[in-house]
PDB file of N, CA and C in Angstrom:
ATOM      1  N   UNK A   1      10.277 -42.009 -31.497  1.00  0.00           N
ATOM      2  CA  UNK A   1      10.584 -43.076 -30.544  1.00  0.00           C
ATOM      3  C   UNK A   1       8.793 -43.755 -30.357  1.00  0.00           C
ATOM      4  N   UNK A   2       8.090 -43.229 -29.541  1.00  0.00           N
ATOM      5  CA  UNK A   2       6.745 -44.253 -29.585  1.00  0.00           C
ATOM      6  C   UNK A   2       5.742 -42.960 -31.359  1.00  0.00           C
ATOM      7  N   UNK A   3       5.478 -43.926 -31.545  1.00  0.00           N
ATOM      8  CA  UNK A   3       4.118 -43.353 -32.561  1.00  0.00           C
ATOM      9  C   UNK A   3       2.831 -44.137 -32.917  1.00  0.00           C
ATOM     10  N   UNK A   4       1.954 -42.983 -32.131  1.00  0.00           N
ATOM     11  CA  UNK A   4       1.109 -43.861 -31.592  1.00  0.00           C
ATOM     12  C   UNK A   4       0.032 -42.861 -33.366  1.00  0.00           C
ATOM     13  N   UNK A   5       0.618 -42.891 -34.535  1.00  0.00           N
ATOM     14  CA  UNK A   5      -0.144 -42.593 -35.607  1.00  0.00           C
ATOM     15  C   UNK A   5      -0.412 -40.832 -36.133  1.00  0.00           C
ATOM     16  N   UNK A   6      -1.312 -41.090 -37.146  1.00  0.00           N
ATOM     17  CA  UNK A   6      -0.884 -39.195 -38.022  1.00  0.00           C
ATOM     18  C   UNK A   6      -1.455 -38.478 -36.997  1.00  0.00           C
ATOM     19  N   UNK A   7      -2.240 -39.086 -35.986  1.00  0.00           N
ATOM     20  CA  UNK A   7      -3.478 -37.706 -35.275  1.00  0.00           C
ATOM     21  C   UNK A   7      -3.017 -36.858 -34.103  1.00  0.00           C
ATOM     22  N   UNK A   8      -1.403 -36.957 -33.907  1.00  0.00           N
ATOM     23  CA  UNK A   8      -0.947 -37.030 -32.586  1.00  0.00           C
ATOM     24  C   UNK A   8      -0.100 -35.132 -32.753  1.00  0.00           C
ATOM     25  N   UNK A   9       0.084 -35.273 -33.978  1.00  0.00           N
ATOM     26  CA  UNK A   9       0.378 -33.913 -34.389  1.00  0.00           C
ATOM     27  C   UNK A   9       2.208 -33.678 -34.108  1.00  0.00           C
ATOM     28  N   UNK A  10       2.930 -33.195 -33.707  1.00  0.00           N
ATOM     29  CA  UNK A  10       3.989 -32.820 -33.697  1.00  0.00           C
ATOM     30  C   UNK A  10       4.913 -32.925 -32.000  1.00  0.00           C
ATOM     31  N   UNK A  11       6.015 -33.740 -31.721  1.00  0.00           N
ATOM     32  CA  UNK A  11       6.457 -34.049 -31.199  1.00  0.00           C
ATOM     33  C   UNK A  11       5.703 -35.013 -30.083  1.00  0.00           C
ATOM     34  N   UNK A  12       5.002 -35.968 -31.135  1.00  0.00           N
ATOM     35  CA  UNK A  12       4.157 -37.085 -30.224  1.00  0.00           C
ATOM     36  C   UNK A  12       3.871 -36.697 -29.241  1.00  0.00           C
ATOM     37  N   UNK A  13       2.612 -35.358 -29.678  1.00  0.00           N
ATOM     38  CA  UNK A  13       1.784 -35.122 -28.563  1.00  0.00           C
ATOM     39  C   UNK A  13       2.277 -34.306 -27.551  1.00  0.00           C
ATOM     40  N   UNK A  14       3.448 -34.082 -27.909  1.00  0.00           N
ATOM     41  CA  UNK A  14       3.943 -33.564 -25.897  1.00  0.00           C
ATOM     42  C   UNK A  14       4.335 -32.201 -26.635  1.00  0.00           C
ATOM     43  N   UNK A  15       3.902 -31.833 -28.038  1.00  0.00           N
ATOM     44  CA  UNK A  15       3.706 -29.721 -28.166  1.00  0.00           C
ATOM     45  C   UNK A  15       2.928 -29.453 -28.047  1.00  0.00           C
ATOM     46  N   UNK A  16       3.098 -28.411 -28.251  1.00  0.00           N
ATOM     47  CA  UNK A  16       1.454 -27.509 -28.538  1.00  0.00           C
ATOM     48  C   UNK A  16       0.111 -27.857 -29.332  1.00  0.00           C
ATOM     49  N   UNK A  17      -0.022 -28.860 -29.534  1.00  0.00           N
ATOM     50  CA  UNK A  17      -1.065 -29.493 -29.836  1.00  0.00           C
ATOM     51  C   UNK A  17      -2.142 -28.998 -29.249  1.00  0.00           C
ATOM     52  N   UNK A  18      -2.333 -29.491 -27.828  1.00  0.00           N
ATOM     53  CA  UNK A  18      -3.409 -29.914 -27.057  1.00  0.00           C
ATOM     54  C   UNK A  18      -3.514 -28.990 -25.957  1.00  0.00           C
ATOM     55  N   UNK A  19      -4.004 -27.911 -26.081  1.00  0.00           N
ATOM     56  CA  UNK A  19      -4.661 -27.142 -24.873  1.00  0.00           C
ATOM     57  C   UNK A  19      -3.492 -26.281 -24.572  1.00  0.00           C
ATOM     58  N   UNK A  20      -3.109 -25.905 -25.656  1.00  0.00           N
ATOM     59  CA  UNK A  20      -2.346 -24.903 -25.817  1.00  0.00           C
ATOM     60  C   UNK A  20      -2.227 -23.697 -26.995  1.00  0.00           C
ATOM     61  N   UNK A  21      -3.762 -24.006 -27.628  1.00  0.00           N
ATOM     62  CA  UNK A  21      -3.987 -22.731 -28.619  1.00  0.00           C
ATOM     63  C   UNK A  21      -3.968 -21.455 -28.100  1.00  0.00           C
ATOM     64  N   UNK A  22      -5.078 -20.377 -28.817  1.00  0.00           N
ATOM     65  CA  UNK A  22      -5.067 -19.534 -28.857  1.00  0.00           C
ATOM     66  C   UNK A  22      -5.757 -19.228 -27.219  1.00  0.00           C
ATOM     67  N   UNK A  23      -6.289 -19.633 -26.450  1.00  0.00           N
ATOM     68  CA  UNK A  23      -7.254 -19.964 -25.276  1.00  0.00           C
ATOM     69  C   UNK A  23      -6.339 -20.761 -24.797  1.00  0.00           C
ATOM     70  N   UNK A  24      -5.753 -20.941 -24.773  1.00  0.00           N
ATOM     71  CA  UNK A  24      -4.902 -21.485 -23.471  1.00  0.00           C
ATOM     72  C   UNK A  24      -3.516 -20.734 -23.149  1.00  0.00           C
ATOM     73  N   UNK A  25      -3.480 -20.066 -24.340  1.00  0.00           N
ATOM     74  CA  UNK A  25      -2.894 -19.470 -24.274  1.00  0.00           C
ATOM     75  C   UNK A  25      -2.532 -17.690 -23.456  1.00  0.00           C
ATOM     76  N   UNK A  26      -3.846 -17.125 -23.390  1.00  0.00           N
ATOM     77  CA  UNK A  26      -4.724 -16.041 -23.219  1.00  0.00           C
ATOM     78  C   UNK A  26      -5.034 -16.773 -21.620  1.00  0.00           C
ATOM     79  N   UNK A  27      -5.097 -18.082 -20.895  1.00  0.00           N
ATOM     80  CA  UNK A  27      -5.565 -18.762 -19.786  1.00  0.00           C
ATOM     81  C   UNK A  27      -4.357 -17.968 -19.579  1.00  0.00           C
ATOM     82  N   UNK A  28      -2.919 -18.943 -19.366  1.00  0.00           N
ATOM     83  CA  UNK A  28      -1.945 -18.940 -18.648  1.00  0.00           C
ATOM     84  C   UNK A  28      -1.155 -17.018 -18.463  1.00  0.00           C
ATOM     85  N   UNK A  29      -2.034 -16.112 -20.229  1.00  0.00           N
ATOM     86  CA  UNK A  29      -1.498 -14.271 -19.900  1.00  0.00           C
ATOM     87  C   UNK A  29      -1.890 -14.277 -18.395  1.00  0.00           C
ATOM     88  N   UNK A  30      -3.264 -14.973 -18.094  1.00  0.00           N
ATOM     89  CA  UNK A  30      -4.554 -13.956 -17.514  1.00  0.00           C
ATOM     90  C   UNK A  30      -3.837 -14.278 -16.264  1.00  0.00           C
ATOM     91  N   UNK A  31      -3.630 -16.159 -15.625  1.00  0.00           N
ATOM     92  CA  UNK A  31      -3.183 -16.356 -14.901  1.00  0.00           C
ATOM     93  C   UNK A  31      -1.472 -15.393 -14.754  1.00  0.00           C
ATOM     94  N   UNK A  32      -0.441 -15.169 -15.752  1.00  0.00           N
ATOM     95  CA  UNK A  32       0.857 -14.677 -15.314  1.00  0.00           C
ATOM     96  C   UNK A  32       0.085 -13.683 -14.620  1.00  0.00           C
ATOM     97  N   UNK A  33      -0.675 -12.865 -15.375  1.00  0.00           N
ATOM     98  CA  UNK A  33      -1.053 -11.142 -15.079  1.00  0.00           C
ATOM     99  C   UNK A  33      -1.542 -11.868 -13.077  1.00  0.00           C
ATOM    100  N   UNK A  34      -2.377 -12.362 -13.085  1.00  0.00           N
ATOM    101  CA  UNK A  34      -2.807 -12.562 -11.313  1.00  0.00           C
ATOM    102  C   UNK A  34      -1.572 -12.760 -10.944  1.00  0.00           C
ATOM    103  N   UNK A  35      -0.027 -13.946 -10.898  1.00  0.00           N
ATOM    104  CA  UNK A  35       0.900 -13.456 -10.007  1.00  0.00           C
ATOM    105  C   UNK A  35       0.995 -12.794  -9.943  1.00  0.00           C
ATOM    106  N   UNK A  36       1.479 -11.993 -11.108  1.00  0.00           N
ATOM    107  CA  UNK A  36       2.466 -10.433 -10.891  1.00  0.00           C
ATOM    108  C   UNK A  36       1.069  -9.645  -9.543  1.00  0.00           C
ATOM    109  N   UNK A  37       0.534  -9.412 -10.027  1.00  0.00           N
ATOM    110  CA  UNK A  37      -0.446  -8.542  -9.538  1.00  0.00           C
ATOM    111  C   UNK A  37      -0.456  -8.983  -7.947  1.00  0.00           C
ATOM    112  N   UNK A  38      -0.704 -10.484  -7.618  1.00  0.00           N
ATOM    113  CA  UNK A  38      -0.988 -11.197  -6.150  1.00  0.00           C
ATOM    114  C   UNK A  38       0.700 -10.421  -5.754  1.00  0.00           C
ATOM    115  N   UNK A  39       1.717 -10.615  -6.403  1.00  0.00           N
ATOM    116  CA  UNK A  39       3.257 -10.840  -6.016  1.00  0.00           C
ATOM    117  C   UNK A  39       3.429  -8.875  -5.244  1.00  0.00           C
ATOM    118  N   UNK A  40       2.964  -7.958  -6.532  1.00  0.00           N
ATOM    119  CA  UNK A  40       2.405  -6.345  -5.873  1.00  0.00           C
ATOM    120  C   UNK A  40       2.035  -5.617  -4.537  1.00  0.00           C
ATOM    121  N   UNK A  41       0.744  -6.595  -5.227  1.00  0.00           N
ATOM    122  CA  UNK A  41      -0.031  -6.456  -4.065  1.00  0.00           C
ATOM    123  C   UNK A  41       0.876  -6.689  -2.317  1.00  0.00           C
ATOM    124  N   UNK A  42       1.222  -7.953  -1.830  1.00  0.00           N
ATOM    125  CA  UNK A  42       1.811  -8.385  -1.300  1.00  0.00           C
ATOM    126  C   UNK A  42       2.975  -7.717  -0.997  1.00  0.00           C
ATOM    127  N   UNK A  43       3.712  -7.352  -1.442  1.00  0.00           N
ATOM    128  CA  UNK A  43       5.480  -6.803  -1.033  1.00  0.00           C
ATOM    129  C   UNK A  43       4.645  -5.369  -0.928  1.00  0.00           C
ATOM    130  N   UNK A  44       3.421  -4.572  -2.295  1.00  0.00           N
ATOM    131  CA  UNK A  44       3.810  -3.338  -0.553  1.00  0.00           C
ATOM    132  C   UNK A  44       2.398  -2.926   0.536  1.00  0.00           C
ATOM    133  N   UNK A  45       1.930  -4.213   0.357  1.00  0.00           N
ATOM    134  CA  UNK A  45       1.840  -4.546   1.705  1.00  0.00           C
ATOM    135  C   UNK A  45       1.618  -4.622   3.338  1.00  0.00           C
ATOM    136  N   UNK A  46       3.427  -5.415   2.985  1.00  0.00           N
ATOM    137  CA  UNK A  46       3.588  -5.331   4.128  1.00  0.00           C
ATOM    138  C   UNK A  46       4.772  -4.258   3.886  1.00  0.00           C
ATOM    139  N   UNK A  47       5.247  -3.641   3.243  1.00  0.00           N
ATOM    140  CA  UNK A  47       6.015  -2.575   3.641  1.00  0.00           C
ATOM    141  C   UNK A  47       5.568  -0.754   3.752  1.00  0.00           C
ATOM    142  N   UNK A  48       3.929  -0.905   4.043  1.00  0.00           N
ATOM    143  CA  UNK A  48       3.065   0.069   3.952  1.00  0.00           C
ATOM    144  C   UNK A  48       3.188   0.257   5.470  1.00  0.00           C
ATOM    145  N   UNK A  49       3.800   1.007   5.734  1.00  0.00           N
ATOM    146  CA  UNK A  49       3.407   1.964   7.277  1.00  0.00           C
ATOM    147  C   UNK A  49       2.373   2.693   8.020  1.00  0.00           C
ATOM    148  N   UNK A  50       1.823   2.215   8.803  1.00  0.00           N
ATOM    149  CA  UNK A  50       0.832   2.828   9.636  1.00  0.00           C
ATOM    150  C   UNK A  50       1.068   3.911   9.249  1.00  0.00           C
ATOM    151  N   UNK A  51      -0.034   4.485   8.661  1.00  0.00           N
ATOM    152  CA  UNK A  51      -0.345   5.899   8.616  1.00  0.00           C
ATOM    153  C   UNK A  51      -1.535   6.783   9.539  1.00  0.00           C
ATOM    154  N   UNK A  52      -0.537   7.397   9.893  1.00  0.00           N
ATOM    155  CA  UNK A  52      -1.889   7.187  11.230  1.00  0.00           C
ATOM    156  C   UNK A  52      -2.433   9.528  10.580  1.00  0.00           C
ATOM    157  N   UNK A  53      -4.449   9.359  11.377  1.00  0.00           N
ATOM    158  CA  UNK A  53      -3.617  10.665  10.928  1.00  0.00           C
ATOM    159  C   UNK A  53      -3.223  12.202  11.717  1.00  0.00           C
ATOM    160  N   UNK A  54      -2.960  13.074  10.430  1.00  0.00           N
ATOM    161  CA  UNK A  54      -2.459  14.197  11.353  1.00  0.00           C
ATOM    162  C   UNK A  54      -3.256  14.036  12.284  1.00  0.00           C
ATOM    163  N   UNK A  55      -1.967  15.365  13.247  1.00  0.00           N
ATOM    164  CA  UNK A  55      -2.551  15.897  14.475  1.00  0.00           C
ATOM    165  C   UNK A  55      -3.190  17.333  14.055  1.00  0.00           C
ATOM    166  N   UNK A  56      -4.105  17.772  14.714  1.00  0.00           N
ATOM    167  CA  UNK A  56      -4.408  18.431  14.917  1.00  0.00           C
ATOM    168  C   UNK A  56      -3.197  20.041  15.197  1.00  0.00           C
ATOM    169  N   UNK A  57      -3.746  21.075  14.105  1.00  0.00           N
ATOM    170  CA  UNK A  57      -2.754  21.855  13.635  1.00  0.00           C
ATOM    171  C   UNK A  57      -2.473  23.074  14.694  1.00  0.00           C
ATOM    172  N   UNK A  58      -1.410  23.308  15.622  1.00  0.00           N
ATOM    173  CA  UNK A  58      -1.855  24.476  16.632  1.00  0.00           C
ATOM    174  C   UNK A  58      -1.199  25.183  16.475  1.00  0.00           C
ATOM    175  N   UNK A  59      -2.294  26.241  17.329  1.00  0.00           N
ATOM    176  CA  UNK A  59      -1.561  27.968  16.229  1.00  0.00           C
ATOM    177  C   UNK A  59      -0.387  28.298  17.035  1.00  0.00           C
ATOM    178  N   UNK A  60       0.008  29.227  16.516  1.00  0.00           N
ATOM    179  CA  UNK A  60       1.243  29.920  16.610  1.00  0.00           C
ATOM    180  C   UNK A  60       1.462  30.690  17.758  1.00  0.00           C
ATOM    181  N   UNK A  61       0.192  31.213  17.934  1.00  0.00           N
ATOM    182  CA  UNK A  61       0.119  31.797  19.527  1.00  0.00           C
ATOM    183  C   UNK A  61       0.115  30.907  20.898  1.00  0.00           C
ATOM    184  N   UNK A  62      -0.163  29.855  20.820  1.00  0.00           N
ATOM    185  CA  UNK A  62      -0.415  28.761  21.861  1.00  0.00           C
ATOM    186  C   UNK A  62       1.305  28.258  21.908  1.00  0.00           C
ATOM    187  N   UNK A  63       1.719  28.168  20.513  1.00  0.00           N
ATOM    188  CA  UNK A  63       2.749  27.979  21.066  1.00  0.00           C
ATOM    189  C   UNK A  63       3.765  28.392  22.113  1.00  0.00           C
ATOM    190  N   UNK A  64       3.816  29.963  21.581  1.00  0.00           N
ATOM    191  CA  UNK A  64       4.625  31.035  22.498  1.00  0.00           C
ATOM    192  C   UNK A  64       4.353  31.647  23.670  1.00  0.00           C
ATOM    193  N   UNK A  65       2.844  31.214  23.460  1.00  0.00           N
ATOM    194  CA  UNK A  65       1.840  30.877  25.191  1.00  0.00           C
ATOM    195  C   UNK A  65       2.942  30.112  26.407  1.00  0.00           C
ATOM    196  N   UNK A  66       2.828  28.955  25.683  1.00  0.00           N
ATOM    197  CA  UNK A  66       3.384  27.893  26.324  1.00  0.00           C
ATOM    198  C   UNK A  66       5.352  28.617  26.196  1.00  0.00           C
ATOM    199  N   UNK A  67       5.802  28.634  25.329  1.00  0.00           N
ATOM    200  CA  UNK A  67       6.649  29.185  25.970  1.00  0.00           C
ATOM    201  C   UNK A  67       7.512  30.312  26.279  1.00  0.00           C
ATOM    202  N   UNK A  68       6.724  30.938  26.891  1.00  0.00           N
ATOM    203  CA  UNK A  68       6.540  32.324  27.874  1.00  0.00           C
ATOM    204  C   UNK A  68       6.112  31.483  28.900  1.00  0.00           C
ATOM    205  N   UNK A  69       4.826  30.835  28.932  1.00  0.00           N
ATOM    206  CA  UNK A  69       5.123  30.012  30.261  1.00  0.00           C
ATOM    207  C   UNK A  69       6.111  28.969  30.930  1.00  0.00           C
ATOM    208  N   UNK A  70       7.103  28.268  30.311  1.00  0.00           N
ATOM    209  CA  UNK A  70       8.099  27.745  30.050  1.00  0.00           C
ATOM    210  C   UNK A  70       9.921  28.495  30.318  1.00  0.00           C
ATOM    211  N   UNK A  71       9.907  29.663  30.210  1.00  0.00           N
ATOM    212  CA  UNK A  71      10.664  30.902  30.815  1.00  0.00           C
ATOM    213  C   UNK A  71      10.641  31.382  32.431  1.00  0.00           C
ATOM    214  N   UNK A  72       9.351  31.235  31.822  1.00  0.00           N
ATOM    215  CA  UNK A  72       8.483  31.487  33.736  1.00  0.00           C
ATOM    216  C   UNK A  72       8.464  33.221  33.342  1.00  0.00           C
ATOM    217  N   UNK A  73       8.234  33.848  32.200  1.00  0.00           N
ATOM    218  CA  UNK A  73       7.995  35.648  31.959  1.00  0.00           C
ATOM    219  C   UNK A  73       6.300  35.479  32.123  1.00  0.00           C
ATOM    220  N   UNK A  74       4.654  34.402  32.433  1.00  0.00           N
ATOM    221  CA  UNK A  74       3.580  34.107  33.406  1.00  0.00           C
ATOM    222  C   UNK A  74       3.839  33.488  34.146  1.00  0.00           C
ATOM    223  N   UNK A  75       2.760  33.096  34.595  1.00  0.00           N
ATOM    224  CA  UNK A  75       1.851  32.665  35.718  1.00  0.00           C
ATOM    225  C   UNK A  75       0.813  31.382  35.586  1.00  0.00           C
ATOM    226  N   UNK A  76       0.428  30.752  36.505  1.00  0.00           N
ATOM    227  CA  UNK A  76       0.316  29.733  36.054  1.00  0.00           C
ATOM    228  C   UNK A  76      -1.195  30.427  35.969  1.00  0.00           C
ATOM    229  N   UNK A  77      -1.982  30.879  36.661  1.00  0.00           N
ATOM    230  CA  UNK A  77      -3.205  31.466  36.236  1.00  0.00           C
ATOM    231  C   UNK A  77      -2.890  32.296  35.338  1.00  0.00           C
ATOM    232  N   UNK A  78      -2.355  32.946  34.962  1.00  0.00           N
ATOM    233  CA  UNK A  78      -2.407  34.162  33.320  1.00  0.00           C
ATOM    234  C   UNK A  78      -2.125  32.513  32.375  1.00  0.00           C
ATOM    235  N   UNK A  79      -0.888  32.041  32.548  1.00  0.00           N
ATOM    236  CA  UNK A  79      -1.260  30.732  31.169  1.00  0.00           C
ATOM    237  C   UNK A  79      -2.496  30.313  31.032  1.00  0.00           C
ATOM    238  N   UNK A  80      -3.079  29.805  32.180  1.00  0.00           N
ATOM    239  CA  UNK A  80      -4.672  29.084  31.608  1.00  0.00           C
ATOM    240  C   UNK A  80      -5.374  30.209  30.683  1.00  0.00           C
ATOM    241  N   UNK A  81      -5.408  31.406  31.737  1.00  0.00           N
ATOM    242  CA  UNK A  81      -5.986  32.097  31.212  1.00  0.00           C
ATOM    243  C   UNK A  81      -6.273  32.583  29.754  1.00  0.00           C
ATOM    244  N   UNK A  82      -4.858  32.577  29.154  1.00  0.00           N
ATOM    245  CA  UNK A  82      -4.922  33.120  28.436  1.00  0.00           C
ATOM    246  C   UNK A  82      -4.807  31.857  27.183  1.00  0.00           C
ATOM    247  N   UNK A  83      -4.222  30.646  27.806  1.00  0.00           N
ATOM    248  CA  UNK A  83      -4.917  29.765  26.759  1.00  0.00           C
ATOM    249  C   UNK A  83      -6.989  29.018  27.003  1.00  0.00           C
ATOM    250  N   UNK A  84      -7.442  29.258  27.578  1.00  0.00           N
ATOM    251  CA  UNK A  84      -8.065  29.479  27.056  1.00  0.00           C
ATOM    252  C   UNK A  84      -8.883  30.114  26.058  1.00  0.00           C
ATOM    253  N   UNK A  85      -8.999  31.577  26.117  1.00  0.00           N
ATOM    254  CA  UNK A  85      -8.930  32.519  25.116  1.00  0.00           C
ATOM    255  C   UNK A  85      -8.226  31.727  24.053  1.00  0.00           C
ATOM    256  N   UNK A  86      -7.715  31.620  23.736  1.00  0.00           N
ATOM    257  CA  UNK A  86      -6.247  31.205  22.635  1.00  0.00           C
ATOM    258  C   UNK A  86      -7.603  29.515  21.668  1.00  0.00           C
ATOM    259  N   UNK A  87      -8.293  29.022  23.141  1.00  0.00           N
ATOM    260  CA  UNK A  87      -8.920  27.633  22.246  1.00  0.00           C
ATOM    261  C   UNK A  87     -10.141  27.729  22.689  1.00  0.00           C
ATOM    262  N   UNK A  88     -10.938  28.975  22.772  1.00  0.00           N
ATOM    263  CA  UNK A  88     -12.203  29.673  22.566  1.00  0.00           C
ATOM    264  C   UNK A  88     -12.328  30.223  20.605  1.00  0.00           C
TER     265      UNK A  88
END
């Protein structure tokens, strides 16, 4: 249609002749990888759950002591004394 002479390459200058050589293709690949990495990071950050540190593990003896106190097998003073012994 518009012929600007023999120096314009294929498709009258609208093809892969200018700026899309090997270096241009590498630039586009890098841009594509950066976009994909940004999307992955965004999805992971939006779906990440707030992970709190695990609570300290309680001893089995303390759990049994609390159950005995809850059932009324021991009184408060005995519970507090035994709890202090277990935690020391």
